[in-house]
Amino acid sequence: MEKDPFLHHPALRDMITPADQSRFRDFDPAEFDDVMLEMGAPLDWRYDEADREALRLAEMTGRWDKDLWVFAYGSLCWDPAMIFDEVRRAHLPSYCRRMILKDSKGARGTEEQPGLMAALTEGEGCDGLAFRVPASIIDAETRNLWARERIAPAYASAFLSAETAHGDIEVLAFVADTTAEVIDCTISRDDQVRYIATGAGFLGTSLEYVQKLQSGLGAVGITDNYLDALLADAEAMQQ
C-alpha cells in the first residue's frame, strides 16, 4: 500500500493544489513574455533556458540518486506544483520569512501599485513545509521548479539543514538574492501594508497571496506574528 503523503498533516490534503491542477505544472517562462513586455519589462527580463538549466545542474550535482526535500515558505506551501511522497512541517534555523520581494512587473503588482511576495533572508528562524520528491523523478521535478523559482533574478538556491518532528533533513530552499532589483530589504512597514492591500496582477492579488499563506501555515499549527500583523493591517486598509 502506498504511503499517504499527508500522513503527518491530513489538514493539508484539501489545501494544497494537486500538481496536475497547478498552473505552474510543466511551466514555460516564455508564456509570460508578452504580458511582461506589455507591462514594460525589458526584453531580457528573465533567464533564458540555457542559463537557468546551468544553474539547476550546478546546484544538483551529486544529488540525483536520493530523494529531494524542498522547503516551502511562500506560494509553494499551497501550490507546490510538484509530485511528492511526503510533506512535513519544518523549521529552518538562521533564516526568516520577510515580505521583501517587490513586484511591479505585473504578477501581483504594477509600477503604480506594487505588490509583495515572500523571500527568505537571514534571521531568527522560519517555519514552513518540506516536500519530499522521490529520487526517480527529481530531474523532471527540479526542471519545473527552476523554471518557476529561478525565472528571473530574485532568489538563489541553497541546500540547508532543517528540523522536523521526524528528524533533521537537508532541504533545497530558495533564498533572497539581495543583489536582485526586486528584492528590497528597506521597504517600510507602512509600504509593506499598502503593497499587500493594493497590489494585483495576472497571478492574483498580494492580499490573496498572504491570506493563502497564512491559512496553509495555520493548518499545521504555524503562527507567524510578523505575517499575521501585516495581513490584519492590510485587510483593515481595504475596509
C-alpha atoms as a PDB file:
ATOM      1  CA  MET A   1       0.000   0.000   0.000  1.00  0.00           C
ATOM      2  CA  GLU A   2       1.331   3.454  -0.948  1.00  0.00           C
ATOM      3  CA  LYS A   3       2.242   5.827   1.844  1.00  0.00           C
ATOM      4  CA  ASP A   4      -0.149   8.739   2.290  1.00  0.00           C
ATOM      5  CA  PRO A   5       1.777  11.986   1.517  1.00  0.00           C
ATOM      6  CA  PHE A   6      -0.414  13.769   4.082  1.00  0.00           C
ATOM      7  CA  LEU A   7       0.081  11.203   6.847  1.00  0.00           C
ATOM      8  CA  HIS A   8       1.659  13.765   9.203  1.00  0.00           C
ATOM      9  CA  HIS A   9      -0.654  16.653   8.282  1.00  0.00           C
ATOM     10  CA  PRO A  10      -4.054  15.473   6.983  1.00  0.00           C
ATOM     11  CA  ALA A  11      -5.446  19.039   7.216  1.00  0.00           C
ATOM     12  CA  LEU A  12      -3.270  19.968   4.239  1.00  0.00           C
ATOM     13  CA  ARG A  13      -4.946  17.451   1.946  1.00  0.00           C
ATOM     14  CA  ASP A  14      -7.670  19.860   0.811  1.00  0.00           C
ATOM     15  CA  MET A  15      -5.486  22.980   0.978  1.00  0.00           C
ATOM     16  CA  ILE A  16      -2.660  22.048  -1.385  1.00  0.00           C
ATOM     17  CA  THR A  17      -3.334  22.282  -5.105  1.00  0.00           C
ATOM     18  CA  PRO A  18      -2.716  18.887  -6.774  1.00  0.00           C
ATOM     19  CA  ALA A  19       0.200  19.007  -9.200  1.00  0.00           C
ATOM     20  CA  ASP A  20      -1.974  18.199 -12.216  1.00  0.00           C
ATOM     21  CA  GLN A  21      -4.241  21.160 -11.400  1.00  0.00           C
ATOM     22  CA  SER A  22      -1.498  23.743 -10.915  1.00  0.00           C
ATOM     23  CA  ARG A  23      -0.905  26.464 -13.497  1.00  0.00           C
ATOM     24  CA  PHE A  24       2.798  26.011 -12.753  1.00  0.00           C
ATOM     25  CA  ARG A  25       2.881  22.362 -13.767  1.00  0.00           C
ATOM     26  CA  ASP A  26       5.121  21.940 -16.843  1.00  0.00           C
ATOM     27  CA  PHE A  27       5.619  25.690 -16.658  1.00  0.00           C
ATOM     28  CA  ASP A  28       7.302  27.515 -19.547  1.00  0.00           C
ATOM     29  CA  PRO A  29       8.506  31.025 -18.587  1.00  0.00           C
ATOM     30  CA  ALA A  30       8.082  32.111 -22.199  1.00  0.00           C
ATOM     31  CA  GLU A  31       4.322  32.032 -21.562  1.00  0.00           C
ATOM     32  CA  PHE A  32       4.720  35.289 -19.655  1.00  0.00           C
ATOM     33  CA  ASP A  33       6.879  37.112 -22.213  1.00  0.00           C
ATOM     34  CA  ASP A  34       4.098  39.021 -23.947  1.00  0.00           C
ATOM     35  CA  VAL A  35       2.446  40.017 -20.672  1.00  0.00           C
ATOM     36  CA  MET A  36       5.725  41.159 -19.153  1.00  0.00           C
ATOM     37  CA  LEU A  37       6.700  43.187 -22.199  1.00  0.00           C
ATOM     38  CA  GLU A  38       3.294  44.880 -22.171  1.00  0.00           C
ATOM     39  CA  MET A  39       3.976  45.807 -18.545  1.00  0.00           C
ATOM     40  CA  GLY A  40       7.226  47.483 -19.562  1.00  0.00           C
ATOM     41  CA  ALA A  41       9.702  44.762 -18.630  1.00  0.00           C
ATOM     42  CA  PRO A  42      12.937  44.669 -20.685  1.00  0.00           C
ATOM     43  CA  LEU A  43      13.367  42.070 -23.418  1.00  0.00           C
ATOM     44  CA  ASP A  44      15.806  40.154 -21.209  1.00  0.00           C
ATOM     45  CA  TRP A  45      13.555  40.236 -18.126  1.00  0.00           C
ATOM     46  CA  ARG A  46      14.097  36.514 -17.420  1.00  0.00           C
ATOM     47  CA  TYR A  47      16.876  33.934 -17.569  1.00  0.00           C
ATOM     48  CA  ASP A  48      16.998  32.077 -20.859  1.00  0.00           C
ATOM     49  CA  GLU A  49      16.573  28.314 -20.724  1.00  0.00           C
ATOM     50  CA  ALA A  50      20.287  27.539 -21.132  1.00  0.00           C
ATOM     51  CA  ASP A  51      21.321  29.806 -18.246  1.00  0.00           C
ATOM     52  CA  ARG A  52      18.554  28.509 -15.998  1.00  0.00           C
ATOM     53  CA  GLU A  53      19.468  24.914 -16.793  1.00  0.00           C
ATOM     54  CA  ALA A  54      23.116  25.592 -15.990  1.00  0.00           C
ATOM     55  CA  LEU A  55      22.082  26.951 -12.579  1.00  0.00           C
ATOM     56  CA  ARG A  56      19.968  23.854 -11.916  1.00  0.00           C
ATOM     57  CA  LEU A  57      22.616  21.343 -12.929  1.00  0.00           C
ATOM     58  CA  ALA A  58      25.297  23.097 -10.897  1.00  0.00           C
ATOM     59  CA  GLU A  59      23.149  23.055  -7.743  1.00  0.00           C
ATOM     60  CA  MET A  60      22.003  19.458  -8.171  1.00  0.00           C
ATOM     61  CA  THR A  61      25.402  17.932  -8.943  1.00  0.00           C
ATOM     62  CA  GLY A  62      25.871  14.745  -6.925  1.00  0.00           C
ATOM     63  CA  ARG A  63      22.288  14.714  -5.666  1.00  0.00           C
ATOM     64  CA  TRP A  64      20.421  12.776  -8.339  1.00  0.00           C
ATOM     65  CA  ASP A  65      20.418   9.421  -6.550  1.00  0.00           C
ATOM     66  CA  LYS A  66      18.484  10.340  -3.403  1.00  0.00           C
ATOM     67  CA  ASP A  67      15.116  11.800  -2.526  1.00  0.00           C
ATOM     68  CA  LEU A  68      14.932  15.592  -2.512  1.00  0.00           C
ATOM     69  CA  TRP A  69      13.312  17.696   0.211  1.00  0.00           C
ATOM     70  CA  VAL A  70      12.085  21.115  -0.952  1.00  0.00           C
ATOM     71  CA  PHE A  71      11.431  23.825   1.640  1.00  0.00           C
ATOM     72  CA  ALA A  72       8.279  25.907   1.127  1.00  0.00           C
ATOM     73  CA  TYR A  73       7.682  29.237   2.849  1.00  0.00           C
ATOM     74  CA  GLY A  74       5.586  31.170   0.311  1.00  0.00           C
ATOM     75  CA  SER A  75       3.331  30.125  -2.564  1.00  0.00           C
ATOM     76  CA  LEU A  76       4.910  26.652  -2.663  1.00  0.00           C
ATOM     77  CA  CYS A  77       3.045  25.997   0.601  1.00  0.00           C
ATOM     78  CA  TRP A  78      -0.326  25.826  -1.158  1.00  0.00           C
ATOM     79  CA  ASP A  79       0.694  25.329  -4.791  1.00  0.00           C
ATOM     80  CA  PRO A  80       3.984  23.370  -4.959  1.00  0.00           C
ATOM     81  CA  ALA A  81       3.226  22.034  -8.472  1.00  0.00           C
ATOM     82  CA  MET A  82       5.375  19.037  -7.519  1.00  0.00           C
ATOM     83  CA  ILE A  83       4.705  15.347  -7.182  1.00  0.00           C
ATOM     84  CA  PHE A  84       5.722  14.441  -3.644  1.00  0.00           C
ATOM     85  CA  ASP A  85       5.600  11.403  -1.372  1.00  0.00           C
ATOM     86  CA  GLU A  86       5.574  13.210   1.966  1.00  0.00           C
ATOM     87  CA  VAL A  87       5.037  16.650   3.477  1.00  0.00           C
ATOM     88  CA  ARG A  88       6.256  17.725   6.898  1.00  0.00           C
ATOM     89  CA  ARG A  89       6.206  20.853   8.971  1.00  0.00           C
ATOM     90  CA  ALA A  90       9.819  22.055   9.010  1.00  0.00           C
ATOM     91  CA  HIS A  91      11.896  24.691  10.796  1.00  0.00           C
ATOM     92  CA  LEU A  92      14.784  26.422   9.063  1.00  0.00           C
ATOM     93  CA  PRO A  93      17.177  27.967  11.607  1.00  0.00           C
ATOM     94  CA  SER A  94      19.035  31.198  10.860  1.00  0.00           C
ATOM     95  CA  TYR A  95      16.562  32.367   8.194  1.00  0.00           C
ATOM     96  CA  CYS A  96      13.268  34.234   8.388  1.00  0.00           C
ATOM     97  CA  ARG A  97      10.321  34.873   6.057  1.00  0.00           C
ATOM     98  CA  ARG A  98      10.021  38.527   5.058  1.00  0.00           C
ATOM     99  CA  MET A  99       7.762  40.290   2.570  1.00  0.00           C
ATOM    100  CA  ILE A 100      10.595  41.887   0.601  1.00  0.00           C
ATOM    101  CA  LEU A 101      10.057  40.742  -2.988  1.00  0.00           C
ATOM    102  CA  LYS A 102       8.589  43.884  -4.540  1.00  0.00           C
ATOM    103  CA  ASP A 103       6.654  43.101  -7.704  1.00  0.00           C
ATOM    104  CA  SER A 104       5.931  45.945 -10.105  1.00  0.00           C
ATOM    105  CA  LYS A 105       6.020  43.927 -13.342  1.00  0.00           C
ATOM    106  CA  GLY A 106       2.503  42.541 -13.354  1.00  0.00           C
ATOM    107  CA  ALA A 107       2.492  39.253 -11.422  1.00  0.00           C
ATOM    108  CA  ARG A 108       0.940  40.600  -8.196  1.00  0.00           C
ATOM    109  CA  GLY A 109       1.582  44.317  -8.639  1.00  0.00           C
ATOM    110  CA  THR A 110       2.305  47.130 -11.071  1.00  0.00           C
ATOM    111  CA  GLU A 111       4.534  50.200 -11.206  1.00  0.00           C
ATOM    112  CA  GLU A 112       1.634  52.300  -9.902  1.00  0.00           C
ATOM    113  CA  GLN A 113       0.588  49.785  -7.229  1.00  0.00           C
ATOM    114  CA  PRO A 114       3.422  47.378  -6.393  1.00  0.00           C
ATOM    115  CA  GLY A 115       2.732  44.024  -4.814  1.00  0.00           C
ATOM    116  CA  LEU A 116       4.707  41.957  -2.328  1.00  0.00           C
ATOM    117  CA  MET A 117       5.747  38.326  -2.045  1.00  0.00           C
ATOM    118  CA  ALA A 118       7.864  36.445   0.455  1.00  0.00           C
ATOM    119  CA  ALA A 119      11.576  35.753   0.443  1.00  0.00           C
ATOM    120  CA  LEU A 120      13.954  34.084   2.868  1.00  0.00           C
ATOM    121  CA  THR A 121      16.624  36.222   4.471  1.00  0.00           C
ATOM    122  CA  GLU A 122      18.934  35.782   7.447  1.00  0.00           C
ATOM    123  CA  GLY A 123      17.027  35.846  10.716  1.00  0.00           C
ATOM    124  CA  GLU A 124      15.764  34.086  13.789  1.00  0.00           C
ATOM    125  CA  GLY A 125      14.265  31.048  12.073  1.00  0.00           C
ATOM    126  CA  CYS A 126      11.451  30.214   9.651  1.00  0.00           C
ATOM    127  CA  ASP A 127       8.676  27.637   9.952  1.00  0.00           C
ATOM    128  CA  GLY A 128       7.276  26.225   6.744  1.00  0.00           C
ATOM    129  CA  LEU A 129       6.701  22.966   4.894  1.00  0.00           C
ATOM    130  CA  ALA A 130       9.090  20.432   3.411  1.00  0.00           C
ATOM    131  CA  PHE A 131       8.033  18.257   0.471  1.00  0.00           C
ATOM    132  CA  ARG A 132       9.863  15.009  -0.297  1.00  0.00           C
ATOM    133  CA  VAL A 133      10.278  14.320  -4.016  1.00  0.00           C
ATOM    134  CA  PRO A 134      11.286  10.746  -4.950  1.00  0.00           C
ATOM    135  CA  ALA A 135      14.742  10.362  -6.492  1.00  0.00           C
ATOM    136  CA  SER A 136      13.250   8.691  -9.567  1.00  0.00           C
ATOM    137  CA  ILE A 137      11.544  11.929 -10.674  1.00  0.00           C
ATOM    138  CA  ILE A 138      13.730  14.728  -9.333  1.00  0.00           C
ATOM    139  CA  ASP A 139      15.176  15.563 -12.757  1.00  0.00           C
ATOM    140  CA  ALA A 140      11.747  16.450 -14.163  1.00  0.00           C
ATOM    141  CA  GLU A 141      10.501  17.988 -10.926  1.00  0.00           C
ATOM    142  CA  THR A 142      13.523  20.236 -10.413  1.00  0.00           C
ATOM    143  CA  ARG A 143      13.425  21.322 -14.047  1.00  0.00           C
ATOM    144  CA  ASN A 144       9.899  22.561 -13.429  1.00  0.00           C
ATOM    145  CA  LEU A 145      10.844  24.046 -10.046  1.00  0.00           C
ATOM    146  CA  TRP A 146      13.741  26.029 -11.501  1.00  0.00           C
ATOM    147  CA  ALA A 147      11.504  27.379 -14.275  1.00  0.00           C
ATOM    148  CA  ARG A 148       9.294  28.848 -11.572  1.00  0.00           C
ATOM    149  CA  GLU A 149      11.675  29.884  -8.778  1.00  0.00           C
ATOM    150  CA  ARG A 150      14.605  30.931 -10.983  1.00  0.00           C
ATOM    151  CA  ILE A 151      12.522  32.523 -13.725  1.00  0.00           C
ATOM    152  CA  ALA A 152      14.398  35.800 -13.219  1.00  0.00           C
ATOM    153  CA  PRO A 153      16.827  37.280 -10.682  1.00  0.00           C
ATOM    154  CA  ALA A 154      15.119  37.204  -7.260  1.00  0.00           C
ATOM    155  CA  TYR A 155      16.149  34.011  -5.472  1.00  0.00           C
ATOM    156  CA  ALA A 156      19.270  31.894  -5.128  1.00  0.00           C
ATOM    157  CA  SER A 157      19.111  28.169  -4.442  1.00  0.00           C
ATOM    158  CA  ALA A 158      20.806  26.606  -1.429  1.00  0.00           C
ATOM    159  CA  PHE A 159      20.853  23.325   0.464  1.00  0.00           C
ATOM    160  CA  LEU A 160      20.250  23.936   4.166  1.00  0.00           C
ATOM    161  CA  SER A 161      19.631  21.923   7.313  1.00  0.00           C
ATOM    162  CA  ALA A 162      16.029  21.903   8.567  1.00  0.00           C
ATOM    163  CA  GLU A 163      14.422  20.469  11.678  1.00  0.00           C
ATOM    164  CA  THR A 164      11.257  18.351  11.680  1.00  0.00           C
ATOM    165  CA  ALA A 165       9.394  16.320  14.277  1.00  0.00           C
ATOM    166  CA  HIS A 166      10.628  13.200  12.480  1.00  0.00           C
ATOM    167  CA  GLY A 167      14.299  14.124  12.337  1.00  0.00           C
ATOM    168  CA  ASP A 168      16.593  16.668  10.741  1.00  0.00           C
ATOM    169  CA  ILE A 169      16.665  16.809   6.950  1.00  0.00           C
ATOM    170  CA  GLU A 170      18.572  18.652   4.261  1.00  0.00           C
ATOM    171  CA  VAL A 171      16.279  20.854   2.181  1.00  0.00           C
ATOM    172  CA  LEU A 172      16.551  22.751  -1.058  1.00  0.00           C
ATOM    173  CA  ALA A 173      15.499  26.331  -0.330  1.00  0.00           C
ATOM    174  CA  PHE A 174      15.205  29.430  -2.483  1.00  0.00           C
ATOM    175  CA  VAL A 175      16.603  32.369  -0.534  1.00  0.00           C
ATOM    176  CA  ALA A 176      16.596  36.080  -1.308  1.00  0.00           C
ATOM    177  CA  ASP A 177      19.217  37.245  -3.788  1.00  0.00           C
ATOM    178  CA  THR A 178      19.909  40.643  -2.248  1.00  0.00           C
ATOM    179  CA  THR A 179      21.625  41.808  -5.446  1.00  0.00           C
ATOM    180  CA  ALA A 180      18.387  41.401  -7.427  1.00  0.00           C
ATOM    181  CA  GLU A 181      16.405  44.542  -8.242  1.00  0.00           C
ATOM    182  CA  VAL A 182      13.140  43.055  -6.990  1.00  0.00           C
ATOM    183  CA  ILE A 183      14.492  42.280  -3.507  1.00  0.00           C
ATOM    184  CA  ASP A 184      14.129  45.350  -1.296  1.00  0.00           C
ATOM    185  CA  CYS A 185      15.045  44.906   2.358  1.00  0.00           C
ATOM    186  CA  THR A 186      14.419  48.598   3.069  1.00  0.00           C
ATOM    187  CA  ILE A 187      10.654  48.692   2.429  1.00  0.00           C
ATOM    188  CA  SER A 188       8.956  50.484   5.324  1.00  0.00           C
ATOM    189  CA  ARG A 189       6.237  48.675   7.205  1.00  0.00           C
ATOM    190  CA  ASP A 190       3.645  51.203   6.023  1.00  0.00           C
ATOM    191  CA  ASP A 191       4.597  50.474   2.420  1.00  0.00           C
ATOM    192  CA  GLN A 192       4.509  46.731   3.064  1.00  0.00           C
ATOM    193  CA  VAL A 193       0.944  47.035   4.322  1.00  0.00           C
ATOM    194  CA  ARG A 194      -0.066  49.241   1.388  1.00  0.00           C
ATOM    195  CA  TYR A 195       1.519  46.980  -1.222  1.00  0.00           C
ATOM    196  CA  ILE A 196      -0.212  43.918   0.238  1.00  0.00           C
ATOM    197  CA  ALA A 197      -3.561  45.726   0.381  1.00  0.00           C
ATOM    198  CA  THR A 198      -3.456  47.138  -3.166  1.00  0.00           C
ATOM    199  CA  GLY A 199      -1.080  45.052  -5.292  1.00  0.00           C
ATOM    200  CA  ALA A 200      -2.698  42.949  -8.042  1.00  0.00           C
ATOM    201  CA  GLY A 201      -1.636  41.300 -11.286  1.00  0.00           C
ATOM    202  CA  PHE A 202      -2.110  38.335 -13.580  1.00  0.00           C
ATOM    203  CA  LEU A 203      -1.300  35.847 -10.782  1.00  0.00           C
ATOM    204  CA  GLY A 204      -3.831  37.440  -8.432  1.00  0.00           C
ATOM    205  CA  THR A 205      -3.615  39.921  -5.575  1.00  0.00           C
ATOM    206  CA  SER A 206      -0.898  40.307  -2.983  1.00  0.00           C
ATOM    207  CA  LEU A 207      -3.580  40.142  -0.292  1.00  0.00           C
ATOM    208  CA  GLU A 208      -4.773  36.760  -1.570  1.00  0.00           C
ATOM    209  CA  TYR A 209      -1.146  35.564  -1.559  1.00  0.00           C
ATOM    210  CA  VAL A 210      -0.710  36.402   2.123  1.00  0.00           C
ATOM    211  CA  GLN A 211      -4.154  35.039   3.059  1.00  0.00           C
ATOM    212  CA  LYS A 212      -3.434  31.682   1.419  1.00  0.00           C
ATOM    213  CA  LEU A 213      -0.014  31.566   3.027  1.00  0.00           C
ATOM    214  CA  GLN A 214      -1.440  32.277   6.471  1.00  0.00           C
ATOM    215  CA  SER A 215      -4.100  29.560   6.012  1.00  0.00           C
ATOM    216  CA  GLY A 216      -1.573  26.963   4.900  1.00  0.00           C
ATOM    217  CA  LEU A 217       0.750  27.691   7.789  1.00  0.00           C
ATOM    218  CA  GLY A 218      -2.118  27.697  10.259  1.00  0.00           C
ATOM    219  CA  ALA A 219      -3.224  24.240   9.091  1.00  0.00           C
ATOM    220  CA  VAL A 220      -0.042  22.760  10.554  1.00  0.00           C
ATOM    221  CA  GLY A 221      -0.058  24.945  13.664  1.00  0.00           C
ATOM    222  CA  ILE A 222       2.410  27.581  12.491  1.00  0.00           C
ATOM    223  CA  THR A 223       1.893  31.109  13.753  1.00  0.00           C
ATOM    224  CA  ASP A 224       3.899  33.880  12.088  1.00  0.00           C
ATOM    225  CA  ASN A 225       3.297  37.050  14.105  1.00  0.00           C
ATOM    226  CA  TYR A 226       5.027  39.238  11.531  1.00  0.00           C
ATOM    227  CA  LEU A 227       2.861  37.910   8.706  1.00  0.00           C
ATOM    228  CA  ASP A 228      -0.327  37.971  10.784  1.00  0.00           C
ATOM    229  CA  ALA A 229       0.156  41.619  11.745  1.00  0.00           C
ATOM    230  CA  LEU A 230       0.827  42.701   8.166  1.00  0.00           C
ATOM    231  CA  LEU A 231      -2.255  40.851   6.946  1.00  0.00           C
ATOM    232  CA  ALA A 232      -4.500  42.308   9.651  1.00  0.00           C
ATOM    233  CA  ASP A 233      -3.403  45.840   8.787  1.00  0.00           C
ATOM    234  CA  ALA A 234      -3.720  45.262   5.045  1.00  0.00           C
ATOM    235  CA  GLU A 235      -7.245  43.860   5.444  1.00  0.00           C
ATOM    236  CA  ALA A 236      -8.170  46.829   7.626  1.00  0.00           C
ATOM    237  CA  MET A 237      -6.863  49.221   4.962  1.00  0.00           C
ATOM    238  CA  GLN A 238      -9.228  47.662   2.428  1.00  0.00           C
ATOM    239  CA  GLN A 239     -12.296  48.232   4.611  1.00  0.00           C
END
